[in-house]
Amino acid sequence: RTHIVMRGEGLQNASMDKLMNRMLLAYDPCALHAGIYRSGNSEL
């Protein structure tokens, strides 16, 4: 959290929920989110 660079006040709980939905559901037309997984592993 200390390294996340965001506009405004930072990542609050309400904005975290919105961000998580955008990342998981891939519905943001102005962003592309991908998970990083170790090769051959299913853990994010």
PDB file of all heavy atoms in Angstrom:
ATOM      1  N   ARG A   1       0.823  -1.219   0.000  1.00  0.00           N
ATOM      2  CA  ARG A   1       0.000   0.000   0.000  1.00  0.00           C
ATOM      3  C   ARG A   1       0.851   1.259   0.000  1.00  0.00           C
ATOM      4  O   ARG A   1       0.470   2.261  -0.586  1.00  0.00           O
ATOM      5  CB  ARG A   1      -0.950   0.014   1.190  1.00  0.00           C
ATOM      6  CG  ARG A   1      -2.135  -0.901   1.016  1.00  0.00           C
ATOM      7  CD  ARG A   1      -3.061  -0.812   2.196  1.00  0.00           C
ATOM      8  NE  ARG A   1      -3.797   0.429   2.183  1.00  0.00           N
ATOM      9  CZ  ARG A   1      -5.077   0.530   1.836  1.00  0.00           C
ATOM     10  NH1 ARG A   1      -5.733  -0.528   1.476  1.00  0.00           N
ATOM     11  NH2 ARG A   1      -5.681   1.684   1.871  1.00  0.00           N
ATOM     12  N   THR A   2       2.015   1.204   0.647  1.00  0.00           N
ATOM     13  CA  THR A   2       2.863   2.400   0.687  1.00  0.00           C
ATOM     14  C   THR A   2       3.437   2.725  -0.681  1.00  0.00           C
ATOM     15  O   THR A   2       3.858   3.851  -0.916  1.00  0.00           O
ATOM     16  CB  THR A   2       4.029   2.223   1.685  1.00  0.00           C
ATOM     17  OG1 THR A   2       4.852   1.138   1.251  1.00  0.00           O
ATOM     18  CG2 THR A   2       3.523   1.971   3.084  1.00  0.00           C
ATOM     19  N   HIS A   3       3.449   1.753  -1.590  1.00  0.00           N
ATOM     20  CA  HIS A   3       4.030   1.980  -2.908  1.00  0.00           C
ATOM     21  C   HIS A   3       2.996   2.225  -4.001  1.00  0.00           C
ATOM     22  O   HIS A   3       3.363   2.591  -5.113  1.00  0.00           O
ATOM     23  CB  HIS A   3       4.899   0.782  -3.315  1.00  0.00           C
ATOM     24  CG  HIS A   3       6.086   0.596  -2.434  1.00  0.00           C
ATOM     25  ND1 HIS A   3       7.057   1.556  -2.273  1.00  0.00           N
ATOM     26  CD2 HIS A   3       6.456  -0.436  -1.648  1.00  0.00           C
ATOM     27  CE1 HIS A   3       7.975   1.123  -1.441  1.00  0.00           C
ATOM     28  NE2 HIS A   3       7.632  -0.090  -1.042  1.00  0.00           N
ATOM     29  N   ILE A   4       1.718   2.002  -3.708  1.00  0.00           N
ATOM     30  CA  ILE A   4       0.689   2.196  -4.732  1.00  0.00           C
ATOM     31  C   ILE A   4       0.553   3.689  -5.004  1.00  0.00           C
ATOM     32  O   ILE A   4       0.334   4.480  -4.097  1.00  0.00           O
ATOM     33  CB  ILE A   4      -0.661   1.585  -4.291  1.00  0.00           C
ATOM     34  CG1 ILE A   4      -0.523   0.064  -4.183  1.00  0.00           C
ATOM     35  CG2 ILE A   4      -1.764   1.954  -5.280  1.00  0.00           C
ATOM     36  CD1 ILE A   4      -1.744  -0.639  -3.619  1.00  0.00           C
ATOM     37  N   VAL A   5       0.709   4.062  -6.274  1.00  0.00           N
ATOM     38  CA  VAL A   5       0.602   5.455  -6.692  1.00  0.00           C
ATOM     39  C   VAL A   5      -0.767   5.637  -7.320  1.00  0.00           C
ATOM     40  O   VAL A   5      -1.051   5.078  -8.370  1.00  0.00           O
ATOM     41  CB  VAL A   5       1.708   5.829  -7.700  1.00  0.00           C
ATOM     42  CG1 VAL A   5       1.546   7.258  -8.167  1.00  0.00           C
ATOM     43  CG2 VAL A   5       3.080   5.613  -7.078  1.00  0.00           C
ATOM     44  N   MET A   6      -1.630   6.402  -6.645  1.00  0.00           N
ATOM     45  CA  MET A   6      -2.985   6.664  -7.149  1.00  0.00           C
ATOM     46  C   MET A   6      -3.264   8.144  -7.072  1.00  0.00           C
ATOM     47  O   MET A   6      -2.692   8.860  -6.255  1.00  0.00           O
ATOM     48  CB  MET A   6      -4.032   5.917  -6.308  1.00  0.00           C
ATOM     49  CG  MET A   6      -3.976   4.424  -6.443  1.00  0.00           C
ATOM     50  SD  MET A   6      -5.345   3.620  -5.604  1.00  0.00           S
ATOM     51  CE  MET A   6      -6.730   4.199  -6.551  1.00  0.00           C
ATOM     52  N   ARG A   7      -4.178   8.586  -7.910  1.00  0.00           N
ATOM     53  CA  ARG A   7      -4.639   9.972  -7.803  1.00  0.00           C
ATOM     54  C   ARG A   7      -5.551  10.078  -6.593  1.00  0.00           C
ATOM     55  O   ARG A   7      -6.218   9.136  -6.213  1.00  0.00           O
ATOM     56  CB  ARG A   7      -5.413  10.366  -9.053  1.00  0.00           C
ATOM     57  CG  ARG A   7      -4.552  10.415 -10.275  1.00  0.00           C
ATOM     58  CD  ARG A   7      -5.374  10.894 -11.463  1.00  0.00           C
ATOM     59  NE  ARG A   7      -4.552  10.977 -12.633  1.00  0.00           N
ATOM     60  CZ  ARG A   7      -4.577  10.103 -13.621  1.00  0.00           C
ATOM     61  NH1 ARG A   7      -5.399   9.092 -13.581  1.00  0.00           N
ATOM     62  NH2 ARG A   7      -3.792  10.259 -14.656  1.00  0.00           N
ATOM     63  N   GLY A   8      -5.602  11.243  -5.996  1.00  0.00           N
ATOM     64  CA  GLY A   8      -6.507  11.462  -4.877  1.00  0.00           C
ATOM     65  C   GLY A   8      -5.945  10.937  -3.573  1.00  0.00           C
ATOM     66  O   GLY A   8      -4.753  10.903  -3.350  1.00  0.00           O
ATOM     67  N   GLU A   9      -6.829  10.482  -2.715  1.00  0.00           N
ATOM     68  CA  GLU A   9      -6.474  10.112  -1.354  1.00  0.00           C
ATOM     69  C   GLU A   9      -5.830   8.742  -1.221  1.00  0.00           C
ATOM     70  O   GLU A   9      -5.315   8.408  -0.192  1.00  0.00           O
ATOM     71  CB  GLU A   9      -7.729  10.161  -0.461  1.00  0.00           C
ATOM     72  CG  GLU A   9      -8.297  11.552  -0.309  1.00  0.00           C
ATOM     73  CD  GLU A   9      -7.319  12.488   0.372  1.00  0.00           C
ATOM     74  OE1 GLU A   9      -6.756  12.118   1.424  1.00  0.00           O
ATOM     75  OE2 GLU A   9      -7.107  13.583  -0.153  1.00  0.00           O
ATOM     76  N   GLY A  10      -5.903   7.933  -2.232  1.00  0.00           N
ATOM     77  CA  GLY A  10      -5.350   6.592  -2.117  1.00  0.00           C
ATOM     78  C   GLY A  10      -6.443   5.548  -2.166  1.00  0.00           C
ATOM     79  O   GLY A  10      -7.594   5.837  -2.436  1.00  0.00           O
ATOM     80  N   LEU A  11      -6.085   4.334  -1.874  1.00  0.00           N
ATOM     81  CA  LEU A  11      -6.982   3.196  -2.012  1.00  0.00           C
ATOM     82  C   LEU A  11      -7.777   2.991  -0.725  1.00  0.00           C
ATOM     83  O   LEU A  11      -7.262   2.486   0.253  1.00  0.00           O
ATOM     84  CB  LEU A  11      -6.144   1.958  -2.358  1.00  0.00           C
ATOM     85  CG  LEU A  11      -6.866   0.728  -2.853  1.00  0.00           C
ATOM     86  CD1 LEU A  11      -7.689   1.054  -4.099  1.00  0.00           C
ATOM     87  CD2 LEU A  11      -5.870  -0.355  -3.171  1.00  0.00           C
ATOM     88  N   GLN A  12      -9.040   3.402  -0.739  1.00  0.00           N
ATOM     89  CA  GLN A  12      -9.946   3.201   0.386  1.00  0.00           C
ATOM     90  C   GLN A  12     -10.752   1.926   0.137  1.00  0.00           C
ATOM     91  O   GLN A  12     -10.734   1.384  -0.957  1.00  0.00           O
ATOM     92  CB  GLN A  12     -10.889   4.403   0.538  1.00  0.00           C
ATOM     93  CG  GLN A  12     -10.173   5.739   0.642  1.00  0.00           C
ATOM     94  CD  GLN A  12      -9.228   5.814   1.826  1.00  0.00           C
ATOM     95  OE1 GLN A  12      -9.496   5.273   2.881  1.00  0.00           O
ATOM     96  NE2 GLN A  12      -8.094   6.480   1.642  1.00  0.00           N
ATOM     97  N   ASN A  13     -11.506   1.465   1.141  1.00  0.00           N
ATOM     98  CA  ASN A  13     -12.246   0.204   1.002  1.00  0.00           C
ATOM     99  C   ASN A  13     -13.238   0.211  -0.161  1.00  0.00           C
ATOM    100  O   ASN A  13     -13.316  -0.752  -0.907  1.00  0.00           O
ATOM    101  CB  ASN A  13     -12.964  -0.142   2.308  1.00  0.00           C
ATOM    102  CG  ASN A  13     -11.988  -0.643   3.354  1.00  0.00           C
ATOM    103  OD1 ASN A  13     -10.911  -1.131   3.022  1.00  0.00           O
ATOM    104  ND2 ASN A  13     -12.350  -0.514   4.613  1.00  0.00           N
ATOM    105  N   ALA A  14     -14.004   1.307  -0.321  1.00  0.00           N
ATOM    106  CA  ALA A  14     -14.985   1.366  -1.407  1.00  0.00           C
ATOM    107  C   ALA A  14     -14.294   1.342  -2.760  1.00  0.00           C
ATOM    108  O   ALA A  14     -14.719   0.627  -3.676  1.00  0.00           O
ATOM    109  CB  ALA A  14     -15.844   2.622  -1.275  1.00  0.00           C
ATOM    110  N   SER A  15     -13.212   2.081  -2.900  1.00  0.00           N
ATOM    111  CA  SER A  15     -12.507   2.080  -4.178  1.00  0.00           C
ATOM    112  C   SER A  15     -11.788   0.748  -4.391  1.00  0.00           C
ATOM    113  O   SER A  15     -11.610   0.318  -5.524  1.00  0.00           O
ATOM    114  CB  SER A  15     -11.538   3.262  -4.282  1.00  0.00           C
ATOM    115  OG  SER A  15     -10.567   3.218  -3.271  1.00  0.00           O
ATOM    116  N   MET A  16     -11.388   0.077  -3.317  1.00  0.00           N
ATOM    117  CA  MET A  16     -10.757  -1.237  -3.458  1.00  0.00           C
ATOM    118  C   MET A  16     -11.760  -2.234  -4.027  1.00  0.00           C
ATOM    119  O   MET A  16     -11.416  -3.023  -4.915  1.00  0.00           O
ATOM    120  CB  MET A  16     -10.216  -1.760  -2.131  1.00  0.00           C
ATOM    121  CG  MET A  16      -9.492  -3.098  -2.315  1.00  0.00           C
ATOM    122  SD  MET A  16      -8.947  -3.913  -0.820  1.00  0.00           S
ATOM    123  CE  MET A  16      -7.809  -2.744  -0.152  1.00  0.00           C
ATOM    124  N   ASP A  17     -12.998  -2.210  -3.541  1.00  0.00           N
ATOM    125  CA  ASP A  17     -14.015  -3.126  -4.064  1.00  0.00           C
ATOM    126  C   ASP A  17     -14.257  -2.885  -5.556  1.00  0.00           C
ATOM    127  O   ASP A  17     -14.346  -3.823  -6.341  1.00  0.00           O
ATOM    128  CB  ASP A  17     -15.325  -2.972  -3.291  1.00  0.00           C
ATOM    129  CG  ASP A  17     -15.218  -3.489  -1.863  1.00  0.00           C
ATOM    130  OD1 ASP A  17     -14.300  -4.291  -1.587  1.00  0.00           O
ATOM    131  OD2 ASP A  17     -16.038  -3.080  -1.027  1.00  0.00           O
ATOM    132  N   LYS A  18     -14.344  -1.613  -5.967  1.00  0.00           N
ATOM    133  CA  LYS A  18     -14.544  -1.295  -7.378  1.00  0.00           C
ATOM    134  C   LYS A  18     -13.359  -1.754  -8.207  1.00  0.00           C
ATOM    135  O   LYS A  18     -13.521  -2.335  -9.275  1.00  0.00           O
ATOM    136  CB  LYS A  18     -14.750   0.214  -7.563  1.00  0.00           C
ATOM    137  CG  LYS A  18     -16.082   0.710  -7.089  1.00  0.00           C
ATOM    138  CD  LYS A  18     -16.195   2.208  -7.304  1.00  0.00           C
ATOM    139  CE  LYS A  18     -17.475   2.736  -6.711  1.00  0.00           C
ATOM    140  NZ  LYS A  18     -17.580   4.201  -6.841  1.00  0.00           N
ATOM    141  N   LEU A  19     -12.158  -1.488  -7.718  1.00  0.00           N
ATOM    142  CA  LEU A  19     -10.953  -1.897  -8.427  1.00  0.00           C
ATOM    143  C   LEU A  19     -10.895  -3.418  -8.561  1.00  0.00           C
ATOM    144  O   LEU A  19     -10.600  -3.947  -9.634  1.00  0.00           O
ATOM    145  CB  LEU A  19      -9.707  -1.378  -7.710  1.00  0.00           C
ATOM    146  CG  LEU A  19      -8.360  -1.808  -8.289  1.00  0.00           C
ATOM    147  CD1 LEU A  19      -8.207  -1.336  -9.730  1.00  0.00           C
ATOM    148  CD2 LEU A  19      -7.224  -1.273  -7.415  1.00  0.00           C
ATOM    149  N   MET A  20     -11.189  -4.126  -7.488  1.00  0.00           N
ATOM    150  CA  MET A  20     -11.168  -5.594  -7.539  1.00  0.00           C
ATOM    151  C   MET A  20     -12.154  -6.116  -8.569  1.00  0.00           C
ATOM    152  O   MET A  20     -11.831  -7.025  -9.336  1.00  0.00           O
ATOM    153  CB  MET A  20     -11.460  -6.180  -6.160  1.00  0.00           C
ATOM    154  CG  MET A  20     -10.288  -6.084  -5.225  1.00  0.00           C
ATOM    155  SD  MET A  20     -10.582  -6.885  -3.649  1.00  0.00           S
ATOM    156  CE  MET A  20     -11.068  -8.520  -4.127  1.00  0.00           C
ATOM    157  N   ASN A  21     -13.360  -5.552  -8.609  1.00  0.00           N
ATOM    158  CA  ASN A  21     -14.351  -5.992  -9.598  1.00  0.00           C
ATOM    159  C   ASN A  21     -13.856  -5.743 -11.012  1.00  0.00           C
ATOM    160  O   ASN A  21     -14.011  -6.596 -11.882  1.00  0.00           O
ATOM    161  CB  ASN A  21     -15.686  -5.288  -9.371  1.00  0.00           C
ATOM    162  CG  ASN A  21     -16.442  -5.877  -8.206  1.00  0.00           C
ATOM    163  OD1 ASN A  21     -16.254  -7.031  -7.860  1.00  0.00           O
ATOM    164  ND2 ASN A  21     -17.287  -5.083  -7.584  1.00  0.00           N
ATOM    165  N   ARG A  22     -13.256  -4.590 -11.248  1.00  0.00           N
ATOM    166  CA  ARG A  22     -12.724  -4.303 -12.583  1.00  0.00           C
ATOM    167  C   ARG A  22     -11.621  -5.275 -12.959  1.00  0.00           C
ATOM    168  O   ARG A  22     -11.524  -5.720 -14.094  1.00  0.00           O
ATOM    169  CB  ARG A  22     -12.192  -2.870 -12.649  1.00  0.00           C
ATOM    170  CG  ARG A  22     -13.271  -1.852 -12.702  1.00  0.00           C
ATOM    171  CD  ARG A  22     -12.692  -0.481 -12.866  1.00  0.00           C
ATOM    172  NE  ARG A  22     -13.769   0.451 -13.143  1.00  0.00           N
ATOM    173  CZ  ARG A  22     -13.808   1.668 -12.678  1.00  0.00           C
ATOM    174  NH1 ARG A  22     -12.823   2.135 -11.947  1.00  0.00           N
ATOM    175  NH2 ARG A  22     -14.817   2.453 -12.969  1.00  0.00           N
ATOM    176  N   MET A  23     -10.776  -5.590 -12.000  1.00  0.00           N
ATOM    177  CA  MET A  23      -9.652  -6.482 -12.277  1.00  0.00           C
ATOM    178  C   MET A  23     -10.122  -7.914 -12.504  1.00  0.00           C
ATOM    179  O   MET A  23      -9.650  -8.595 -13.409  1.00  0.00           O
ATOM    180  CB  MET A  23      -8.647  -6.425 -11.126  1.00  0.00           C
ATOM    181  CG  MET A  23      -7.956  -5.076 -11.012  1.00  0.00           C
ATOM    182  SD  MET A  23      -6.934  -4.936  -9.543  1.00  0.00           S
ATOM    183  CE  MET A  23      -5.439  -5.740 -10.118  1.00  0.00           C
ATOM    184  N   LEU A  24     -11.048  -8.381 -11.693  1.00  0.00           N
ATOM    185  CA  LEU A  24     -11.502  -9.772 -11.785  1.00  0.00           C
ATOM    186  C   LEU A  24     -12.476 -10.006 -12.932  1.00  0.00           C
ATOM    187  O   LEU A  24     -12.457 -11.058 -13.564  1.00  0.00           O
ATOM    188  CB  LEU A  24     -12.146 -10.205 -10.469  1.00  0.00           C
ATOM    189  CG  LEU A  24     -11.202 -10.322  -9.279  1.00  0.00           C
ATOM    190  CD1 LEU A  24     -11.983 -10.501  -7.986  1.00  0.00           C
ATOM    191  CD2 LEU A  24     -10.214 -11.458  -9.478  1.00  0.00           C
ATOM    192  N   LEU A  25     -13.337  -9.039 -13.212  1.00  0.00           N
ATOM    193  CA  LEU A  25     -14.368  -9.218 -14.229  1.00  0.00           C
ATOM    194  C   LEU A  25     -13.962  -8.697 -15.598  1.00  0.00           C
ATOM    195  O   LEU A  25     -14.678  -8.903 -16.572  1.00  0.00           O
ATOM    196  CB  LEU A  25     -15.673  -8.554 -13.774  1.00  0.00           C
ATOM    197  CG  LEU A  25     -16.221  -9.054 -12.435  1.00  0.00           C
ATOM    198  CD1 LEU A  25     -17.450  -8.264 -12.019  1.00  0.00           C
ATOM    199  CD2 LEU A  25     -16.541 -10.542 -12.517  1.00  0.00           C
ATOM    200  N   ALA A  26     -12.829  -8.006 -15.678  1.00  0.00           N
ATOM    201  CA  ALA A  26     -12.280  -7.508 -16.949  1.00  0.00           C
ATOM    202  C   ALA A  26     -13.304  -6.714 -17.748  1.00  0.00           C
ATOM    203  O   ALA A  26     -13.448  -6.907 -18.947  1.00  0.00           O
ATOM    204  CB  ALA A  26     -11.711  -8.663 -17.768  1.00  0.00           C
ATOM    205  N   TYR A  27     -14.037  -5.800 -17.084  1.00  0.00           N
ATOM    206  CA  TYR A  27     -15.031  -5.030 -17.832  1.00  0.00           C
ATOM    207  C   TYR A  27     -14.647  -3.576 -18.034  1.00  0.00           C
ATOM    208  O   TYR A  27     -15.416  -2.805 -18.569  1.00  0.00           O
ATOM    209  CB  TYR A  27     -16.405  -5.113 -17.148  1.00  0.00           C
ATOM    210  CG  TYR A  27     -16.511  -4.363 -15.837  1.00  0.00           C
ATOM    211  CD1 TYR A  27     -16.761  -3.000 -15.792  1.00  0.00           C
ATOM    212  CD2 TYR A  27     -16.378  -5.043 -14.641  1.00  0.00           C
ATOM    213  CE1 TYR A  27     -16.853  -2.330 -14.585  1.00  0.00           C
ATOM    214  CE2 TYR A  27     -16.477  -4.377 -13.435  1.00  0.00           C
ATOM    215  CZ  TYR A  27     -16.714  -3.025 -13.422  1.00  0.00           C
ATOM    216  OH  TYR A  27     -16.817  -2.358 -12.225  1.00  0.00           O
ATOM    217  N   ASP A  28     -13.476  -3.193 -17.648  1.00  0.00           N
ATOM    218  CA  ASP A  28     -13.040  -1.811 -17.812  1.00  0.00           C
ATOM    219  C   ASP A  28     -12.474  -1.619 -19.215  1.00  0.00           C
ATOM    220  O   ASP A  28     -11.450  -2.204 -19.552  1.00  0.00           O
ATOM    221  CB  ASP A  28     -11.973  -1.496 -16.757  1.00  0.00           C
ATOM    222  CG  ASP A  28     -11.617  -0.030 -16.699  1.00  0.00           C
ATOM    223  OD1 ASP A  28     -11.892   0.695 -17.682  1.00  0.00           O
ATOM    224  OD2 ASP A  28     -11.057   0.394 -15.684  1.00  0.00           O
ATOM    225  N   PRO A  29     -13.128  -0.801 -20.065  1.00  0.00           N
ATOM    226  CA  PRO A  29     -12.640  -0.630 -21.435  1.00  0.00           C
ATOM    227  C   PRO A  29     -11.353   0.194 -21.529  1.00  0.00           C
ATOM    228  O   PRO A  29     -10.731   0.233 -22.587  1.00  0.00           O
ATOM    229  CB  PRO A  29     -13.795   0.086 -22.131  1.00  0.00           C
ATOM    230  CG  PRO A  29     -14.471   0.823 -21.027  1.00  0.00           C
ATOM    231  CD  PRO A  29     -14.340  -0.042 -19.803  1.00  0.00           C
ATOM    232  N   CYS A  30     -10.953   0.835 -20.451  1.00  0.00           N
ATOM    233  CA  CYS A  30      -9.739   1.663 -20.456  1.00  0.00           C
ATOM    234  C   CYS A  30      -8.602   1.031 -19.675  1.00  0.00           C
ATOM    235  O   CYS A  30      -7.628   1.696 -19.332  1.00  0.00           O
ATOM    236  CB  CYS A  30     -10.047   3.049 -19.885  1.00  0.00           C
ATOM    237  SG  CYS A  30     -11.241   3.944 -20.881  1.00  0.00           S
ATOM    238  N   ALA A  31      -8.730  -0.248 -19.355  1.00  0.00           N
ATOM    239  CA  ALA A  31      -7.680  -0.931 -18.599  1.00  0.00           C
ATOM    240  C   ALA A  31      -7.653  -2.407 -18.973  1.00  0.00           C
ATOM    241  O   ALA A  31      -8.644  -2.973 -19.423  1.00  0.00           O
ATOM    242  CB  ALA A  31      -7.912  -0.777 -17.095  1.00  0.00           C
ATOM    243  N   LEU A  32      -6.494  -2.990 -18.778  1.00  0.00           N
ATOM    244  CA  LEU A  32      -6.304  -4.415 -19.000  1.00  0.00           C
ATOM    245  C   LEU A  32      -5.535  -4.943 -17.804  1.00  0.00           C
ATOM    246  O   LEU A  32      -4.442  -4.453 -17.515  1.00  0.00           O
ATOM    247  CB  LEU A  32      -5.501  -4.642 -20.286  1.00  0.00           C
ATOM    248  CG  LEU A  32      -5.231  -6.084 -20.640  1.00  0.00           C
ATOM    249  CD1 LEU A  32      -6.464  -6.673 -21.338  1.00  0.00           C
ATOM    250  CD2 LEU A  32      -4.036  -6.176 -21.559  1.00  0.00           C
ATOM    251  N   HIS A  33      -6.117  -5.885 -17.077  1.00  0.00           N
ATOM    252  CA  HIS A  33      -5.495  -6.420 -15.866  1.00  0.00           C
ATOM    253  C   HIS A  33      -5.189  -7.899 -16.055  1.00  0.00           C
ATOM    254  O   HIS A  33      -6.009  -8.645 -16.593  1.00  0.00           O
ATOM    255  CB  HIS A  33      -6.430  -6.262 -14.667  1.00  0.00           C
ATOM    256  CG  HIS A  33      -6.813  -4.856 -14.394  1.00  0.00           C
ATOM    257  ND1 HIS A  33      -5.992  -3.984 -13.734  1.00  0.00           N
ATOM    258  CD2 HIS A  33      -7.933  -4.155 -14.722  1.00  0.00           C
ATOM    259  CE1 HIS A  33      -6.583  -2.806 -13.636  1.00  0.00           C
ATOM    260  NE2 HIS A  33      -7.758  -2.888 -14.232  1.00  0.00           N
ATOM    261  N   ALA A  34      -4.018  -8.312 -15.604  1.00  0.00           N
ATOM    262  CA  ALA A  34      -3.643  -9.716 -15.666  1.00  0.00           C
ATOM    263  C   ALA A  34      -3.054 -10.132 -14.330  1.00  0.00           C
ATOM    264  O   ALA A  34      -2.428  -9.326 -13.638  1.00  0.00           O
ATOM    265  CB  ALA A  34      -2.621  -9.957 -16.777  1.00  0.00           C
ATOM    266  N   GLY A  35      -3.255 -11.378 -13.992  1.00  0.00           N
ATOM    267  CA  GLY A  35      -2.644 -11.926 -12.794  1.00  0.00           C
ATOM    268  C   GLY A  35      -1.255 -12.433 -13.105  1.00  0.00           C
ATOM    269  O   GLY A  35      -0.986 -12.896 -14.215  1.00  0.00           O
ATOM    270  N   ILE A  36      -0.362 -12.339 -12.122  1.00  0.00           N
ATOM    271  CA  ILE A  36       0.978 -12.908 -12.239  1.00  0.00           C
ATOM    272  C   ILE A  36       0.970 -14.209 -11.435  1.00  0.00           C
ATOM    273  O   ILE A  36       0.626 -14.208 -10.252  1.00  0.00           O
ATOM    274  CB  ILE A  36       2.063 -11.966 -11.680  1.00  0.00           C
ATOM    275  CG1 ILE A  36       2.025 -10.603 -12.375  1.00  0.00           C
ATOM    276  CG2 ILE A  36       3.443 -12.607 -11.795  1.00  0.00           C
ATOM    277  CD1 ILE A  36       2.945  -9.555 -11.728  1.00  0.00           C
ATOM    278  N   TYR A  37       1.348 -15.295 -12.092  1.00  0.00           N
ATOM    279  CA  TYR A  37       1.400 -16.621 -11.476  1.00  0.00           C
ATOM    280  C   TYR A  37       2.784 -17.205 -11.765  1.00  0.00           C
ATOM    281  O   TYR A  37       3.318 -17.018 -12.860  1.00  0.00           O
ATOM    282  CB  TYR A  37       0.337 -17.544 -12.072  1.00  0.00           C
ATOM    283  CG  TYR A  37      -1.070 -17.015 -11.928  1.00  0.00           C
ATOM    284  CD1 TYR A  37      -1.570 -16.081 -12.828  1.00  0.00           C
ATOM    285  CD2 TYR A  37      -1.884 -17.441 -10.891  1.00  0.00           C
ATOM    286  CE1 TYR A  37      -2.857 -15.579 -12.696  1.00  0.00           C
ATOM    287  CE2 TYR A  37      -3.175 -16.954 -10.764  1.00  0.00           C
ATOM    288  CZ  TYR A  37      -3.652 -16.013 -11.664  1.00  0.00           C
ATOM    289  OH  TYR A  37      -4.919 -15.529 -11.527  1.00  0.00           O
ATOM    290  N   ARG A  38       3.346 -17.918 -10.791  1.00  0.00           N
ATOM    291  CA  ARG A  38       4.591 -18.634 -11.089  1.00  0.00           C
ATOM    292  C   ARG A  38       4.277 -19.687 -12.133  1.00  0.00           C
ATOM    293  O   ARG A  38       3.205 -20.283 -12.124  1.00  0.00           O
ATOM    294  CB  ARG A  38       5.157 -19.289  -9.828  1.00  0.00           C
ATOM    295  CG  ARG A  38       5.746 -18.280  -8.856  1.00  0.00           C
ATOM    296  CD  ARG A  38       6.387 -18.926  -7.646  1.00  0.00           C
ATOM    297  NE  ARG A  38       5.403 -19.715  -6.910  1.00  0.00           N
ATOM    298  CZ  ARG A  38       5.615 -20.943  -6.454  1.00  0.00           C
ATOM    299  NH1 ARG A  38       6.775 -21.524  -6.611  1.00  0.00           N
ATOM    300  NH2 ARG A  38       4.681 -21.585  -5.800  1.00  0.00           N
ATOM    301  N   SER A  39       5.205 -19.921 -13.046  1.00  0.00           N
ATOM    302  CA  SER A  39       4.983 -20.905 -14.106  1.00  0.00           C
ATOM    303  C   SER A  39       4.595 -22.255 -13.515  1.00  0.00           C
ATOM    304  O   SER A  39       5.243 -22.732 -12.588  1.00  0.00           O
ATOM    305  CB  SER A  39       6.230 -21.059 -14.969  1.00  0.00           C
ATOM    306  OG  SER A  39       6.422 -19.897 -15.736  1.00  0.00           O
ATOM    307  N   GLY A  40       3.510 -22.809 -14.045  1.00  0.00           N
ATOM    308  CA  GLY A  40       3.045 -24.113 -13.588  1.00  0.00           C
ATOM    309  C   GLY A  40       2.328 -24.096 -12.254  1.00  0.00           C
ATOM    310  O   GLY A  40       2.070 -25.144 -11.681  1.00  0.00           O
ATOM    311  N   ASN A  41       1.982 -22.918 -11.737  1.00  0.00           N
ATOM    312  CA  ASN A  41       1.332 -22.804 -10.435  1.00  0.00           C
ATOM    313  C   ASN A  41       0.062 -21.985 -10.591  1.00  0.00           C
ATOM    314  O   ASN A  41       0.012 -21.052 -11.391  1.00  0.00           O
ATOM    315  CB  ASN A  41       2.307 -22.129  -9.454  1.00  0.00           C
ATOM    316  CG  ASN A  41       1.879 -22.270  -8.016  1.00  0.00           C
ATOM    317  OD1 ASN A  41       0.777 -21.896  -7.653  1.00  0.00           O
ATOM    318  ND2 ASN A  41       2.771 -22.794  -7.191  1.00  0.00           N
ATOM    319  N   SER A  42      -0.957 -22.287  -9.824  1.00  0.00           N
ATOM    320  CA  SER A  42      -2.233 -21.578  -9.948  1.00  0.00           C
ATOM    321  C   SER A  42      -2.434 -20.510  -8.870  1.00  0.00           C
ATOM    322  O   SER A  42      -3.486 -19.902  -8.801  1.00  0.00           O
ATOM    323  CB  SER A  42      -3.389 -22.580  -9.898  1.00  0.00           C
ATOM    324  OG  SER A  42      -3.389 -23.251  -8.645  1.00  0.00           O
ATOM    325  N   GLU A  43      -1.411 -20.257  -8.043  1.00  0.00           N
ATOM    326  CA  GLU A  43      -1.531 -19.265  -6.980  1.00  0.00           C
ATOM    327  C   GLU A  43      -1.143 -17.879  -7.482  1.00  0.00           C
ATOM    328  O   GLU A  43      -0.045 -17.672  -7.997  1.00  0.00           O
ATOM    329  CB  GLU A  43      -0.636 -19.639  -5.797  1.00  0.00           C
ATOM    330  CG  GLU A  43      -0.711 -18.642  -4.659  1.00  0.00           C
ATOM    331  CD  GLU A  43       0.319 -18.915  -3.568  1.00  0.00           C
ATOM    332  OE1 GLU A  43       1.016 -19.947  -3.646  1.00  0.00           O
ATOM    333  OE2 GLU A  43       0.416 -18.088  -2.668  1.00  0.00           O
ATOM    334  N   LEU A  44      -2.073 -16.932  -7.347  1.00  0.00           N
ATOM    335  CA  LEU A  44      -1.836 -15.544  -7.722  1.00  0.00           C
ATOM    336  C   LEU A  44      -0.752 -14.953  -6.823  1.00  0.00           C
ATOM    337  O   LEU A  44      -0.845 -15.034  -5.604  1.00  0.00           O
ATOM    338  CB  LEU A  44      -3.132 -14.736  -7.572  1.00  0.00           C
ATOM    339  CG  LEU A  44      -3.057 -13.247  -7.896  1.00  0.00           C
ATOM    340  CD1 LEU A  44      -2.891 -13.046  -9.401  1.00  0.00           C
ATOM    341  CD2 LEU A  44      -4.326 -12.551  -7.407  1.00  0.00           C
TER     342      LEU A  44
END
